[in-house]
């Protein structure tokens, strides 16, 4: 039984390693996506603020 258990953990290690790499890739992709979203949101808010200032000065 102990030998079988040891064999199982030997097999599980590479799988865990691959899973970790996959998680890192997903995290990296999410960080890039999140950064792009923040940049878009900032640009949108800046444009919106500029538009409101223009509108205020027109009145």
Protein backbone atom coordinates (compact mmCIF):
# COMPACT_ATOMS: atom_id res chain seq x y z
CA UNK A 1 0.00 0.00 0.00
CA UNK A 2 2.80 2.42 0.89
CA UNK A 3 4.56 1.69 -2.41
CA UNK A 4 1.35 2.40 -4.29
CA UNK A 5 0.94 5.70 -2.43
CA UNK A 6 4.51 6.76 -3.24
CA UNK A 7 3.93 5.92 -6.90
CA UNK A 8 0.81 8.07 -6.88
CA UNK A 9 2.60 11.12 -5.48
CA UNK A 10 5.35 10.70 -8.07
CA UNK A 11 2.69 10.88 -10.78
CA UNK A 12 0.87 13.82 -9.20
CA UNK A 13 3.91 16.11 -9.07
CA UNK A 14 4.27 16.87 -12.81
CA UNK A 15 0.53 17.45 -13.06
CA UNK A 16 0.65 19.95 -10.20
CA UNK A 17 3.60 21.66 -11.88
CA UNK A 18 1.74 21.97 -15.18
CA UNK A 19 -1.33 23.25 -13.38
CA UNK A 20 0.79 25.92 -11.68
CA UNK A 21 2.23 27.07 -15.04
CA UNK A 22 -1.28 27.26 -16.46
CA UNK A 23 -2.40 29.33 -13.47
CA UNK A 24 0.56 31.69 -13.91
CA UNK A 25 -0.29 32.18 -17.59
CA UNK A 26 -3.92 32.90 -16.76
CA UNK A 27 -2.89 35.33 -14.04
CA UNK A 28 -0.54 37.12 -16.43
CA UNK A 29 -3.25 37.33 -19.05
CA UNK A 30 -5.70 38.64 -16.46
CA UNK A 31 -3.21 41.28 -15.28
CA UNK A 32 -2.73 42.49 -18.86
CA UNK A 33 -6.49 42.54 -19.40
CA UNK A 34 -7.02 44.36 -16.12
CA UNK A 35 -4.36 46.94 -17.00
CA UNK A 36 -5.92 47.53 -20.41
CA UNK A 37 -9.34 47.91 -18.79
CA UNK A 38 -7.98 50.43 -16.29
CA UNK A 39 -6.32 52.41 -19.09
CA UNK A 40 -9.55 52.44 -21.08
CA UNK A 41 -11.55 53.49 -18.03
CA UNK A 42 -9.06 56.28 -17.29
CA UNK A 43 -9.16 57.50 -20.89
CA UNK A 44 -12.95 57.39 -20.85
CA UNK A 45 -13.15 59.32 -17.58
CA UNK A 46 -10.66 61.90 -18.86
CA UNK A 47 -12.63 62.35 -22.09
CA UNK A 48 -15.86 62.53 -20.12
CA UNK A 49 -14.44 65.14 -17.75
CA UNK A 50 -13.08 67.18 -20.67
CA UNK A 51 -16.47 66.99 -22.36
CA UNK A 52 -18.23 68.20 -19.21
CA UNK A 53 -15.79 71.10 -18.83
CA UNK A 54 -16.40 72.10 -22.44
CA UNK A 55 -20.13 71.89 -21.89
CA UNK A 56 -19.90 74.04 -18.74
CA UNK A 57 -17.91 76.78 -20.48
CA UNK A 58 -20.39 76.84 -23.39
CA UNK A 59 -23.33 77.72 -21.15
